[in-house]
Amino acid sequence: MTKKGMGVWIFSTLTVIAAAHLIDAANALLFNKPITLLQLYPLAKEKLEAITPPIYFLISATATFILWGITCAIAFQNPVEAFLNKVLSDAKKQSMVESQLLEQKSELLDAMNETVEMNNEILSHVKDVIYNIRAEVKEIQPLKEGLEKIKAELSHLKREIKSFEEKLKYPKVCIACGKPVLPEFNICPYCGESLKPVQEKIIPLEKYR
């Protein structure tokens, strides 16, 4: 026997008992007959005998209608409909959970999108900085070349000044080796040649003849 059949059997039996008490209460209330069914409960006989017919009628009527309603609810319950309702309820719960997950994922995607936008802005700023640095390097390159030329010219000028100073310090130059020599030297200390000018002797024409 299924749970539904067991429930219908139990509550229908209780409904019949309550209906019997209702009939007994109605006979006592309307026809002034003695209450008979309450005497079937010996354990609470004294308390039950103290109940008046109107109260007995109200209690039995209320119990009858309540038990009858429960019996009808169980009897007319459609298992397919209950299953469908359960499926719909589970589907609603699942949809709510999925919607919450989608909201969380959408929030995560929004955060990722914001992060990507910020990274793009940072990359754009870095590109601008690199472009400016390259432009400055291109501007500095001619200056560097100009400085190198100036350094070369200064080096050449220093060599010329040094040579000029040597010429001023050593005004006498050896004709043979070309090196500067102090004026007091008559012989070149480098090559040993005489530094005195050669005096050319003029032979008279008569002696030559």
N, C-alpha and C. Protein backbone atom coordinates (compact mmCIF):
# COMPACT_ATOMS: atom_id res chain seq x y z
N MET A 1 0.86 -1.19 0.00
CA MET A 1 0.00 0.00 0.00
C MET A 1 0.90 1.25 0.00
N THR A 2 0.51 2.17 -0.83
CA THR A 2 1.30 3.39 -0.95
C THR A 2 1.03 4.32 0.22
N LYS A 3 1.88 5.34 0.31
CA LYS A 3 1.69 6.33 1.37
C LYS A 3 0.38 7.07 1.21
N LYS A 4 0.01 7.33 -0.04
CA LYS A 4 -1.25 8.04 -0.28
C LYS A 4 -2.44 7.21 0.20
N GLY A 5 -2.44 5.92 -0.15
CA GLY A 5 -3.55 5.04 0.28
C GLY A 5 -3.61 4.90 1.78
N MET A 6 -2.43 4.79 2.42
CA MET A 6 -2.39 4.70 3.87
C MET A 6 -2.94 5.96 4.51
N GLY A 7 -2.57 7.10 3.97
CA GLY A 7 -3.06 8.36 4.52
C GLY A 7 -4.56 8.51 4.36
N VAL A 8 -5.07 8.15 3.18
CA VAL A 8 -6.52 8.23 2.95
C VAL A 8 -7.26 7.30 3.92
N TRP A 9 -6.74 6.10 4.10
CA TRP A 9 -7.41 5.13 4.99
C TRP A 9 -7.44 5.63 6.43
N ILE A 10 -6.31 6.15 6.92
CA ILE A 10 -6.25 6.62 8.31
C ILE A 10 -7.17 7.81 8.53
N PHE A 11 -7.05 8.82 7.66
CA PHE A 11 -7.84 10.03 7.89
C PHE A 11 -9.33 9.82 7.58
N SER A 12 -9.63 8.92 6.66
CA SER A 12 -11.06 8.62 6.43
C SER A 12 -11.67 7.91 7.64
N THR A 13 -10.90 7.02 8.27
CA THR A 13 -11.39 6.35 9.50
C THR A 13 -11.62 7.37 10.61
N LEU A 14 -10.66 8.28 10.78
CA LEU A 14 -10.82 9.32 11.80
C LEU A 14 -12.00 10.23 11.48
N THR A 15 -12.23 10.46 10.17
CA THR A 15 -13.37 11.30 9.78
C THR A 15 -14.69 10.62 10.13
N VAL A 16 -14.75 9.31 9.89
CA VAL A 16 -15.98 8.56 10.22
C VAL A 16 -16.23 8.59 11.72
N ILE A 17 -15.16 8.42 12.52
CA ILE A 17 -15.31 8.47 13.98
C ILE A 17 -15.79 9.85 14.42
N ALA A 18 -15.18 10.89 13.83
CA ALA A 18 -15.59 12.25 14.18
C ALA A 18 -17.03 12.51 13.76
N ALA A 19 -17.44 11.96 12.59
CA ALA A 19 -18.83 12.14 12.14
C ALA A 19 -19.80 11.43 13.08
N ALA A 20 -19.39 10.26 13.58
CA ALA A 20 -20.25 9.55 14.54
C ALA A 20 -20.42 10.36 15.82
N HIS A 21 -19.33 10.98 16.28
CA HIS A 21 -19.43 11.85 17.45
C HIS A 21 -20.29 13.07 17.15
N LEU A 22 -20.22 13.56 15.91
CA LEU A 22 -21.05 14.71 15.54
C LEU A 22 -22.54 14.34 15.58
N ILE A 23 -22.86 13.14 15.09
CA ILE A 23 -24.27 12.69 15.14
C ILE A 23 -24.73 12.50 16.58
N ASP A 24 -23.85 11.94 17.40
CA ASP A 24 -24.18 11.75 18.81
C ASP A 24 -24.41 13.10 19.49
N ALA A 25 -23.54 14.09 19.17
CA ALA A 25 -23.69 15.42 19.76
C ALA A 25 -24.96 16.09 19.28
N ALA A 26 -25.31 15.89 17.99
CA ALA A 26 -26.54 16.49 17.46
C ALA A 26 -27.77 15.89 18.13
N ASN A 27 -27.78 14.59 18.35
CA ASN A 27 -28.91 13.95 19.05
C ASN A 27 -29.05 14.48 20.48
N ALA A 28 -27.88 14.68 21.14
CA ALA A 28 -27.93 15.18 22.51
C ALA A 28 -28.39 16.63 22.55
N LEU A 29 -27.99 17.41 21.53
CA LEU A 29 -28.32 18.83 21.54
C LEU A 29 -29.75 19.08 21.07
N LEU A 30 -30.18 18.35 20.02
CA LEU A 30 -31.49 18.63 19.44
C LEU A 30 -32.61 17.82 20.11
N PHE A 31 -32.31 16.58 20.43
CA PHE A 31 -33.37 15.70 20.95
C PHE A 31 -33.21 15.40 22.44
N ASN A 32 -32.27 16.05 23.09
CA ASN A 32 -32.05 15.87 24.53
C ASN A 32 -31.80 14.40 24.91
N LYS A 33 -31.12 13.69 24.02
CA LYS A 33 -30.76 12.30 24.31
C LYS A 33 -29.44 12.28 25.08
N PRO A 34 -29.18 11.27 25.82
CA PRO A 34 -27.91 11.20 26.55
C PRO A 34 -26.72 10.96 25.61
N ILE A 35 -25.58 11.47 26.01
CA ILE A 35 -24.34 11.28 25.23
C ILE A 35 -23.84 9.87 25.49
N THR A 36 -23.71 9.11 24.44
CA THR A 36 -23.34 7.69 24.59
C THR A 36 -21.90 7.38 24.18
N LEU A 37 -21.40 8.02 23.13
CA LEU A 37 -20.07 7.65 22.59
C LEU A 37 -18.93 8.06 23.51
N LEU A 38 -19.12 9.09 24.29
CA LEU A 38 -18.04 9.51 25.19
C LEU A 38 -17.81 8.50 26.31
N GLN A 39 -18.81 7.63 26.55
CA GLN A 39 -18.64 6.61 27.58
C GLN A 39 -17.69 5.50 27.14
N LEU A 40 -17.32 5.52 25.85
CA LEU A 40 -16.38 4.50 25.35
C LEU A 40 -14.93 4.78 25.76
N TYR A 41 -14.67 5.92 26.35
CA TYR A 41 -13.30 6.30 26.75
C TYR A 41 -13.23 6.32 28.28
N PRO A 42 -12.98 5.19 28.91
CA PRO A 42 -13.03 5.10 30.38
C PRO A 42 -11.91 5.85 31.08
N LEU A 43 -10.80 6.05 30.41
CA LEU A 43 -9.67 6.70 31.07
C LEU A 43 -9.97 8.16 31.40
N ALA A 44 -10.72 8.83 30.53
CA ALA A 44 -11.05 10.24 30.77
C ALA A 44 -12.56 10.40 30.90
N LYS A 45 -13.19 9.44 31.56
CA LYS A 45 -14.65 9.44 31.64
C LYS A 45 -15.17 10.62 32.43
N GLU A 46 -14.55 10.95 33.55
CA GLU A 46 -15.04 12.04 34.39
C GLU A 46 -14.94 13.39 33.67
N LYS A 47 -13.81 13.64 32.99
CA LYS A 47 -13.64 14.90 32.27
C LYS A 47 -14.59 14.99 31.08
N LEU A 48 -14.80 13.88 30.38
CA LEU A 48 -15.68 13.90 29.21
C LEU A 48 -17.14 14.08 29.61
N GLU A 49 -17.55 13.53 30.77
CA GLU A 49 -18.94 13.70 31.20
C GLU A 49 -19.24 15.15 31.56
N ALA A 50 -18.20 15.93 31.87
CA ALA A 50 -18.40 17.34 32.22
C ALA A 50 -18.64 18.21 31.00
N ILE A 51 -18.43 17.67 29.78
CA ILE A 51 -18.62 18.46 28.55
C ILE A 51 -20.11 18.59 28.29
N THR A 52 -20.54 19.79 28.00
CA THR A 52 -21.96 20.04 27.68
C THR A 52 -22.23 19.71 26.23
N PRO A 53 -23.50 19.45 25.86
CA PRO A 53 -23.83 19.12 24.47
C PRO A 53 -23.41 20.18 23.46
N PRO A 54 -23.60 21.50 23.69
CA PRO A 54 -23.15 22.48 22.68
C PRO A 54 -21.64 22.42 22.41
N ILE A 55 -20.85 22.32 23.48
CA ILE A 55 -19.39 22.24 23.30
C ILE A 55 -19.02 20.95 22.59
N TYR A 56 -19.67 19.87 22.95
CA TYR A 56 -19.43 18.58 22.31
C TYR A 56 -19.75 18.65 20.83
N PHE A 57 -20.84 19.34 20.48
CA PHE A 57 -21.23 19.48 19.08
C PHE A 57 -20.19 20.29 18.30
N LEU A 58 -19.75 21.40 18.89
CA LEU A 58 -18.76 22.25 18.20
C LEU A 58 -17.44 21.51 18.00
N ILE A 59 -16.99 20.81 19.02
CA ILE A 59 -15.71 20.09 18.90
C ILE A 59 -15.80 18.99 17.86
N SER A 60 -16.88 18.22 17.90
CA SER A 60 -17.02 17.11 16.94
C SER A 60 -17.21 17.63 15.53
N ALA A 61 -17.95 18.74 15.36
CA ALA A 61 -18.14 19.30 14.01
C ALA A 61 -16.83 19.83 13.45
N THR A 62 -16.08 20.53 14.31
CA THR A 62 -14.77 21.06 13.85
C THR A 62 -13.82 19.93 13.48
N ALA A 63 -13.76 18.90 14.31
CA ALA A 63 -12.88 17.77 14.02
C ALA A 63 -13.29 17.05 12.75
N THR A 64 -14.63 16.93 12.55
CA THR A 64 -15.12 16.24 11.35
C THR A 64 -14.72 16.99 10.09
N PHE A 65 -14.94 18.29 10.08
CA PHE A 65 -14.61 19.07 8.87
C PHE A 65 -13.10 19.10 8.61
N ILE A 66 -12.32 19.21 9.67
CA ILE A 66 -10.86 19.24 9.48
C ILE A 66 -10.36 17.91 8.93
N LEU A 67 -10.81 16.82 9.54
CA LEU A 67 -10.37 15.50 9.07
C LEU A 67 -10.89 15.20 7.67
N TRP A 68 -12.11 15.64 7.37
CA TRP A 68 -12.64 15.45 6.02
C TRP A 68 -11.82 16.24 4.99
N GLY A 69 -11.44 17.43 5.35
CA GLY A 69 -10.60 18.23 4.43
C GLY A 69 -9.25 17.60 4.18
N ILE A 70 -8.64 17.09 5.25
CA ILE A 70 -7.34 16.42 5.08
C ILE A 70 -7.48 15.18 4.21
N THR A 71 -8.55 14.42 4.44
CA THR A 71 -8.78 13.21 3.64
C THR A 71 -8.96 13.55 2.17
N CYS A 72 -9.74 14.58 1.89
CA CYS A 72 -9.95 14.99 0.49
C CYS A 72 -8.66 15.48 -0.15
N ALA A 73 -7.87 16.24 0.63
CA ALA A 73 -6.61 16.75 0.09
C ALA A 73 -5.67 15.62 -0.29
N ILE A 74 -5.63 14.59 0.58
CA ILE A 74 -4.76 13.45 0.27
C ILE A 74 -5.33 12.63 -0.88
N ALA A 75 -6.64 12.44 -0.88
CA ALA A 75 -7.26 11.59 -1.90
C ALA A 75 -7.18 12.20 -3.28
N PHE A 76 -7.38 13.51 -3.37
CA PHE A 76 -7.38 14.16 -4.68
C PHE A 76 -6.01 14.71 -5.07
N GLN A 77 -5.00 14.36 -4.32
CA GLN A 77 -3.65 14.81 -4.69
C GLN A 77 -3.16 14.03 -5.90
N ASN A 78 -2.75 14.77 -6.94
CA ASN A 78 -2.28 14.15 -8.18
C ASN A 78 -0.77 13.99 -8.10
N PRO A 79 -0.26 12.78 -8.15
CA PRO A 79 1.19 12.60 -8.05
C PRO A 79 1.94 13.22 -9.23
N VAL A 80 1.32 13.18 -10.41
CA VAL A 80 1.97 13.78 -11.58
C VAL A 80 2.09 15.28 -11.40
N GLU A 81 0.98 15.89 -10.91
CA GLU A 81 1.01 17.33 -10.68
C GLU A 81 2.02 17.69 -9.60
N ALA A 82 2.06 16.86 -8.54
CA ALA A 82 3.04 17.11 -7.48
C ALA A 82 4.46 16.99 -8.01
N PHE A 83 4.67 15.98 -8.88
CA PHE A 83 6.00 15.82 -9.47
C PHE A 83 6.36 17.01 -10.34
N LEU A 84 5.36 17.46 -11.13
CA LEU A 84 5.62 18.62 -11.99
C LEU A 84 5.88 19.87 -11.16
N ASN A 85 5.11 20.02 -10.08
CA ASN A 85 5.35 21.18 -9.21
C ASN A 85 6.74 21.14 -8.59
N LYS A 86 7.14 19.92 -8.21
CA LYS A 86 8.48 19.78 -7.65
C LYS A 86 9.54 20.09 -8.69
N VAL A 87 9.30 19.59 -9.92
CA VAL A 87 10.25 19.87 -11.00
C VAL A 87 10.33 21.36 -11.28
N LEU A 88 9.15 22.02 -11.31
CA LEU A 88 9.14 23.46 -11.54
C LEU A 88 9.83 24.21 -10.41
N SER A 89 9.59 23.75 -9.18
CA SER A 89 10.26 24.39 -8.04
C SER A 89 11.77 24.23 -8.12
N ASP A 90 12.20 23.00 -8.46
CA ASP A 90 13.65 22.77 -8.60
C ASP A 90 14.22 23.60 -9.74
N ALA A 91 13.43 23.70 -10.82
CA ALA A 91 13.90 24.50 -11.96
C ALA A 91 14.03 25.97 -11.59
N LYS A 92 13.05 26.46 -10.80
CA LYS A 92 13.14 27.86 -10.36
C LYS A 92 14.36 28.08 -9.48
N LYS A 93 14.59 27.13 -8.56
CA LYS A 93 15.77 27.25 -7.71
C LYS A 93 17.04 27.21 -8.54
N GLN A 94 17.07 26.27 -9.52
CA GLN A 94 18.24 26.17 -10.38
C GLN A 94 18.45 27.43 -11.19
N SER A 95 17.34 27.97 -11.70
CA SER A 95 17.45 29.21 -12.49
C SER A 95 17.93 30.37 -11.63
N MET A 96 17.46 30.39 -10.36
CA MET A 96 17.93 31.44 -9.46
C MET A 96 19.43 31.30 -9.20
N VAL A 97 19.86 30.05 -8.98
CA VAL A 97 21.30 29.82 -8.76
C VAL A 97 22.10 30.20 -10.00
N GLU A 98 21.60 29.80 -11.18
CA GLU A 98 22.31 30.13 -12.41
C GLU A 98 22.34 31.63 -12.65
N SER A 99 21.22 32.31 -12.32
CA SER A 99 21.20 33.77 -12.49
C SER A 99 22.21 34.43 -11.56
N GLN A 100 22.31 33.90 -10.33
CA GLN A 100 23.32 34.44 -9.42
C GLN A 100 24.73 34.20 -9.95
N LEU A 101 24.95 32.99 -10.49
CA LEU A 101 26.26 32.70 -11.06
C LEU A 101 26.55 33.60 -12.25
N LEU A 102 25.51 33.83 -13.08
CA LEU A 102 25.70 34.72 -14.22
C LEU A 102 26.02 36.13 -13.78
N GLU A 103 25.34 36.58 -12.72
CA GLU A 103 25.63 37.91 -12.21
C GLU A 103 27.07 38.00 -11.70
N GLN A 104 27.49 36.95 -10.98
CA GLN A 104 28.86 36.95 -10.49
C GLN A 104 29.86 36.94 -11.65
N LYS A 105 29.55 36.10 -12.67
CA LYS A 105 30.44 36.05 -13.83
C LYS A 105 30.44 37.37 -14.58
N SER A 106 29.26 38.00 -14.68
CA SER A 106 29.20 39.30 -15.36
C SER A 106 30.00 40.34 -14.60
N GLU A 107 29.91 40.30 -13.26
CA GLU A 107 30.72 41.22 -12.46
C GLU A 107 32.21 40.95 -12.68
N LEU A 108 32.57 39.66 -12.74
CA LEU A 108 33.97 39.31 -12.98
C LEU A 108 34.41 39.79 -14.36
N LEU A 109 33.55 39.61 -15.36
CA LEU A 109 33.88 40.08 -16.71
C LEU A 109 34.01 41.59 -16.75
N ASP A 110 33.13 42.28 -16.02
CA ASP A 110 33.22 43.74 -15.96
C ASP A 110 34.55 44.17 -15.34
N ALA A 111 34.92 43.47 -14.26
CA ALA A 111 36.21 43.80 -13.61
C ALA A 111 37.38 43.52 -14.56
N MET A 112 37.30 42.39 -15.30
CA MET A 112 38.36 42.08 -16.27
C MET A 112 38.40 43.12 -17.38
N ASN A 113 37.22 43.55 -17.83
CA ASN A 113 37.16 44.57 -18.88
C ASN A 113 37.78 45.87 -18.40
N GLU A 114 37.46 46.26 -17.16
CA GLU A 114 38.06 47.47 -16.61
C GLU A 114 39.58 47.34 -16.51
N THR A 115 40.04 46.14 -16.10
CA THR A 115 41.48 45.92 -16.01
C THR A 115 42.14 46.02 -17.37
N VAL A 116 41.49 45.45 -18.39
CA VAL A 116 42.04 45.51 -19.75
C VAL A 116 42.08 46.95 -20.24
N GLU A 117 41.03 47.72 -19.96
CA GLU A 117 41.01 49.12 -20.37
C GLU A 117 42.13 49.90 -19.67
N MET A 118 42.32 49.64 -18.38
CA MET A 118 43.40 50.31 -17.66
C MET A 118 44.76 49.92 -18.24
N ASN A 119 44.93 48.63 -18.56
CA ASN A 119 46.20 48.19 -19.15
C ASN A 119 46.42 48.83 -20.51
N ASN A 120 45.33 48.98 -21.29
CA ASN A 120 45.46 49.64 -22.59
C ASN A 120 45.87 51.09 -22.42
N GLU A 121 45.29 51.76 -21.42
CA GLU A 121 45.69 53.14 -21.17
C GLU A 121 47.16 53.24 -20.76
N ILE A 122 47.58 52.29 -19.90
CA ILE A 122 48.98 52.29 -19.47
C ILE A 122 49.90 52.03 -20.66
N LEU A 123 49.53 51.06 -21.52
CA LEU A 123 50.34 50.76 -22.71
C LEU A 123 50.40 51.96 -23.64
N SER A 124 49.27 52.64 -23.81
CA SER A 124 49.25 53.83 -24.65
C SER A 124 50.18 54.90 -24.09
N HIS A 125 50.13 55.07 -22.76
CA HIS A 125 51.01 56.05 -22.12
C HIS A 125 52.48 55.66 -22.30
N VAL A 126 52.77 54.36 -22.15
CA VAL A 126 54.15 53.89 -22.33
C VAL A 126 54.61 54.11 -23.77
N LYS A 127 53.71 53.85 -24.73
CA LYS A 127 54.07 54.09 -26.14
C LYS A 127 54.37 55.56 -26.38
N ASP A 128 53.56 56.44 -25.79
CA ASP A 128 53.82 57.87 -25.94
C ASP A 128 55.17 58.25 -25.35
N VAL A 129 55.47 57.68 -24.17
CA VAL A 129 56.76 57.98 -23.54
C VAL A 129 57.92 57.49 -24.41
N ILE A 130 57.78 56.26 -24.95
CA ILE A 130 58.83 55.71 -25.81
C ILE A 130 59.00 56.56 -27.07
N TYR A 131 57.88 57.01 -27.65
CA TYR A 131 57.95 57.85 -28.84
C TYR A 131 58.67 59.16 -28.53
N ASN A 132 58.34 59.75 -27.37
CA ASN A 132 58.99 61.00 -26.99
C ASN A 132 60.48 60.79 -26.76
N ILE A 133 60.83 59.64 -26.14
CA ILE A 133 62.25 59.36 -25.90
C ILE A 133 62.99 59.18 -27.22
N ARG A 134 62.36 58.48 -28.16
CA ARG A 134 63.00 58.31 -29.48
C ARG A 134 63.19 59.65 -30.17
N ALA A 135 62.17 60.51 -30.07
CA ALA A 135 62.28 61.83 -30.68
C ALA A 135 63.41 62.62 -30.04
N GLU A 136 63.50 62.54 -28.70
CA GLU A 136 64.59 63.25 -28.02
C GLU A 136 65.95 62.67 -28.39
N VAL A 137 66.01 61.34 -28.54
CA VAL A 137 67.28 60.72 -28.94
C VAL A 137 67.68 61.17 -30.34
N LYS A 138 66.69 61.26 -31.23
CA LYS A 138 66.99 61.74 -32.59
C LYS A 138 67.48 63.18 -32.56
N GLU A 139 66.90 63.97 -31.64
CA GLU A 139 67.36 65.35 -31.52
C GLU A 139 68.75 65.41 -30.89
N ILE A 140 69.05 64.49 -29.98
CA ILE A 140 70.35 64.50 -29.31
C ILE A 140 71.46 63.97 -30.22
N GLN A 141 71.11 63.10 -31.18
CA GLN A 141 72.12 62.48 -32.04
C GLN A 141 72.94 63.52 -32.81
N PRO A 142 72.32 64.53 -33.47
CA PRO A 142 73.14 65.55 -34.13
C PRO A 142 74.03 66.31 -33.15
N LEU A 143 73.51 66.57 -31.95
CA LEU A 143 74.33 67.25 -30.95
C LEU A 143 75.55 66.41 -30.58
N LYS A 144 75.32 65.08 -30.47
CA LYS A 144 76.43 64.20 -30.16
C LYS A 144 77.48 64.22 -31.26
N GLU A 145 76.99 64.17 -32.51
CA GLU A 145 77.94 64.22 -33.63
C GLU A 145 78.69 65.54 -33.64
N GLY A 146 77.95 66.65 -33.34
CA GLY A 146 78.61 67.95 -33.29
C GLY A 146 79.66 68.01 -32.18
N LEU A 147 79.35 67.41 -31.02
CA LEU A 147 80.32 67.38 -29.93
C LEU A 147 81.55 66.57 -30.31
N GLU A 148 81.33 65.45 -31.02
CA GLU A 148 82.49 64.66 -31.46
C GLU A 148 83.37 65.45 -32.43
N LYS A 149 82.72 66.20 -33.33
CA LYS A 149 83.49 67.03 -34.26
C LYS A 149 84.26 68.11 -33.51
N ILE A 150 83.59 68.70 -32.51
CA ILE A 150 84.27 69.74 -31.72
C ILE A 150 85.45 69.15 -30.97
N LYS A 151 85.25 67.93 -30.40
CA LYS A 151 86.36 67.27 -29.71
C LYS A 151 87.52 67.01 -30.66
N ALA A 152 87.21 66.55 -31.88
CA ALA A 152 88.27 66.29 -32.85
C ALA A 152 89.00 67.58 -33.22
N GLU A 153 88.22 68.65 -33.43
CA GLU A 153 88.84 69.93 -33.78
C GLU A 153 89.69 70.46 -32.62
N LEU A 154 89.17 70.28 -31.36
CA LEU A 154 89.96 70.71 -30.21
C LEU A 154 91.26 69.92 -30.10
N SER A 155 91.17 68.61 -30.36
CA SER A 155 92.38 67.79 -30.31
C SER A 155 93.39 68.25 -31.37
N HIS A 156 92.87 68.51 -32.57
CA HIS A 156 93.75 69.00 -33.64
C HIS A 156 94.34 70.36 -33.27
N LEU A 157 93.50 71.20 -32.66
CA LEU A 157 93.97 72.53 -32.26
C LEU A 157 95.02 72.42 -31.17
N LYS A 158 94.82 71.48 -30.23
CA LYS A 158 95.81 71.27 -29.18
C LYS A 158 97.14 70.84 -29.77
N ARG A 159 97.05 69.93 -30.76
CA ARG A 159 98.30 69.49 -31.40
C ARG A 159 99.00 70.65 -32.10
N GLU A 160 98.22 71.49 -32.77
CA GLU A 160 98.83 72.64 -33.45
C GLU A 160 99.43 73.61 -32.45
N ILE A 161 98.68 73.83 -31.31
CA ILE A 161 99.21 74.74 -30.29
C ILE A 161 100.50 74.18 -29.70
N LYS A 162 100.50 72.87 -29.46
CA LYS A 162 101.71 72.25 -28.93
C LYS A 162 102.87 72.38 -29.90
N SER A 163 102.57 72.16 -31.18
CA SER A 163 103.61 72.30 -32.19
C SER A 163 104.11 73.74 -32.25
N PHE A 164 103.16 74.67 -32.14
CA PHE A 164 103.54 76.08 -32.18
C PHE A 164 104.38 76.45 -30.97
N GLU A 165 103.98 75.90 -29.78
CA GLU A 165 104.77 76.16 -28.58
C GLU A 165 106.17 75.59 -28.71
N GLU A 166 106.27 74.40 -29.30
CA GLU A 166 107.59 73.81 -29.49
C GLU A 166 108.44 74.65 -30.45
N LYS A 167 107.74 75.17 -31.45
CA LYS A 167 108.48 76.02 -32.39
C LYS A 167 108.94 77.30 -31.72
N LEU A 168 108.08 77.83 -30.83
CA LEU A 168 108.49 79.03 -30.10
C LEU A 168 109.62 78.71 -29.14
N LYS A 169 109.56 77.52 -28.51
CA LYS A 169 110.58 77.15 -27.55
C LYS A 169 111.86 76.73 -28.25
N TYR A 170 111.68 76.01 -29.34
CA TYR A 170 112.84 75.57 -30.12
C TYR A 170 112.75 76.18 -31.51
N PRO A 171 113.21 77.43 -31.67
CA PRO A 171 113.07 78.07 -32.99
C PRO A 171 113.99 77.50 -34.06
N LYS A 172 115.03 76.79 -33.62
CA LYS A 172 116.00 76.25 -34.57
C LYS A 172 115.61 74.84 -34.96
N VAL A 173 115.58 74.54 -36.22
CA VAL A 173 115.17 73.22 -36.71
C VAL A 173 116.30 72.63 -37.53
N CYS A 174 116.58 71.34 -37.31
CA CYS A 174 117.61 70.65 -38.06
C CYS A 174 117.14 70.46 -39.49
N ILE A 175 117.97 70.83 -40.42
CA ILE A 175 117.59 70.71 -41.82
C ILE A 175 117.55 69.25 -42.25
N ALA A 176 118.40 68.42 -41.62
CA ALA A 176 118.50 67.02 -42.03
C ALA A 176 117.32 66.19 -41.54
N CYS A 177 117.04 66.27 -40.21
CA CYS A 177 115.97 65.42 -39.65
C CYS A 177 114.67 66.17 -39.38
N GLY A 178 114.71 67.50 -39.37
CA GLY A 178 113.48 68.28 -39.17
C GLY A 178 113.04 68.42 -37.75
N LYS A 179 113.87 68.02 -36.77
CA LYS A 179 113.48 68.11 -35.38
C LYS A 179 113.96 69.42 -34.79
N PRO A 180 113.17 69.98 -33.82
CA PRO A 180 113.57 71.25 -33.22
C PRO A 180 114.78 71.08 -32.30
N VAL A 181 115.61 72.08 -32.33
CA VAL A 181 116.85 72.05 -31.55
C VAL A 181 117.03 73.41 -30.89
N LEU A 182 117.60 73.41 -29.70
CA LEU A 182 117.85 74.67 -28.99
C LEU A 182 118.84 75.52 -29.79
N PRO A 183 118.72 76.80 -29.61
CA PRO A 183 119.59 77.69 -30.41
C PRO A 183 121.08 77.51 -30.11
N GLU A 184 121.42 77.13 -28.88
CA GLU A 184 122.84 77.04 -28.52
C GLU A 184 123.52 75.81 -29.11
N PHE A 185 122.75 74.89 -29.72
CA PHE A 185 123.37 73.72 -30.34
C PHE A 185 123.86 74.07 -31.73
N ASN A 186 125.10 73.67 -31.99
CA ASN A 186 125.64 73.83 -33.34
C ASN A 186 125.55 72.53 -34.13
N ILE A 187 125.44 71.44 -33.40
CA ILE A 187 125.30 70.13 -34.04
C ILE A 187 124.00 69.51 -33.56
N CYS A 188 123.26 68.91 -34.47
CA CYS A 188 121.97 68.29 -34.12
C CYS A 188 122.21 67.09 -33.22
N PRO A 189 121.59 67.07 -32.02
CA PRO A 189 121.80 65.92 -31.13
C PRO A 189 121.10 64.65 -31.61
N TYR A 190 120.24 64.76 -32.60
CA TYR A 190 119.48 63.61 -33.08
C TYR A 190 120.18 62.89 -34.23
N CYS A 191 120.66 63.73 -35.19
CA CYS A 191 121.27 63.09 -36.37
C CYS A 191 122.77 63.41 -36.52
N GLY A 192 123.29 64.39 -35.75
CA GLY A 192 124.71 64.71 -35.80
C GLY A 192 125.12 65.64 -36.93
N GLU A 193 124.16 66.18 -37.65
CA GLU A 193 124.49 67.11 -38.72
C GLU A 193 124.82 68.47 -38.14
N SER A 194 125.63 69.22 -38.86
CA SER A 194 126.00 70.57 -38.45
C SER A 194 124.83 71.50 -38.65
N LEU A 195 124.63 72.34 -37.66
CA LEU A 195 123.52 73.28 -37.72
C LEU A 195 123.95 74.65 -38.23
N LYS A 196 125.27 74.82 -38.45
CA LYS A 196 125.75 76.10 -38.97
C LYS A 196 125.47 76.21 -40.45
N PRO A 197 125.09 77.35 -40.89
CA PRO A 197 124.85 77.51 -42.33
C PRO A 197 126.14 77.39 -43.12
N VAL A 198 126.08 76.72 -44.21
CA VAL A 198 127.26 76.52 -45.05
C VAL A 198 127.56 77.82 -45.80
N GLN A 199 128.79 78.29 -45.61
CA GLN A 199 129.19 79.52 -46.30
C GLN A 199 129.77 79.16 -47.66
N GLU A 200 129.14 79.62 -48.64
CA GLU A 200 129.60 79.34 -50.01
C GLU A 200 130.74 80.29 -50.39
N LYS A 201 131.81 79.70 -50.80
CA LYS A 201 132.96 80.50 -51.23
C LYS A 201 132.80 80.88 -52.68
N ILE A 202 133.01 82.14 -52.95
CA ILE A 202 132.92 82.64 -54.33
C ILE A 202 134.33 82.70 -54.90
N ILE A 203 134.55 81.89 -55.88
CA ILE A 203 135.89 81.84 -56.51
C ILE A 203 135.91 82.91 -57.58
N PRO A 204 136.88 83.72 -57.50
CA PRO A 204 136.97 84.76 -58.56
C PRO A 204 137.15 84.10 -59.92
N LEU A 205 136.66 84.76 -60.88
CA LEU A 205 136.67 84.23 -62.23
C LEU A 205 138.08 84.10 -62.76
N GLU A 206 138.93 85.00 -62.25
CA GLU A 206 140.30 84.96 -62.75
C GLU A 206 141.00 83.70 -62.27
N LYS A 207 140.82 83.36 -60.95
CA LYS A 207 141.47 82.17 -60.44
C LYS A 207 140.92 80.92 -61.10
N TYR A 208 139.69 80.95 -61.42
CA TYR A 208 139.08 79.78 -62.04
C TYR A 208 139.69 79.52 -63.39
N ARG A 209 140.06 80.61 -64.07
CA ARG A 209 140.68 80.42 -65.36
C ARG A 209 142.10 79.92 -65.19
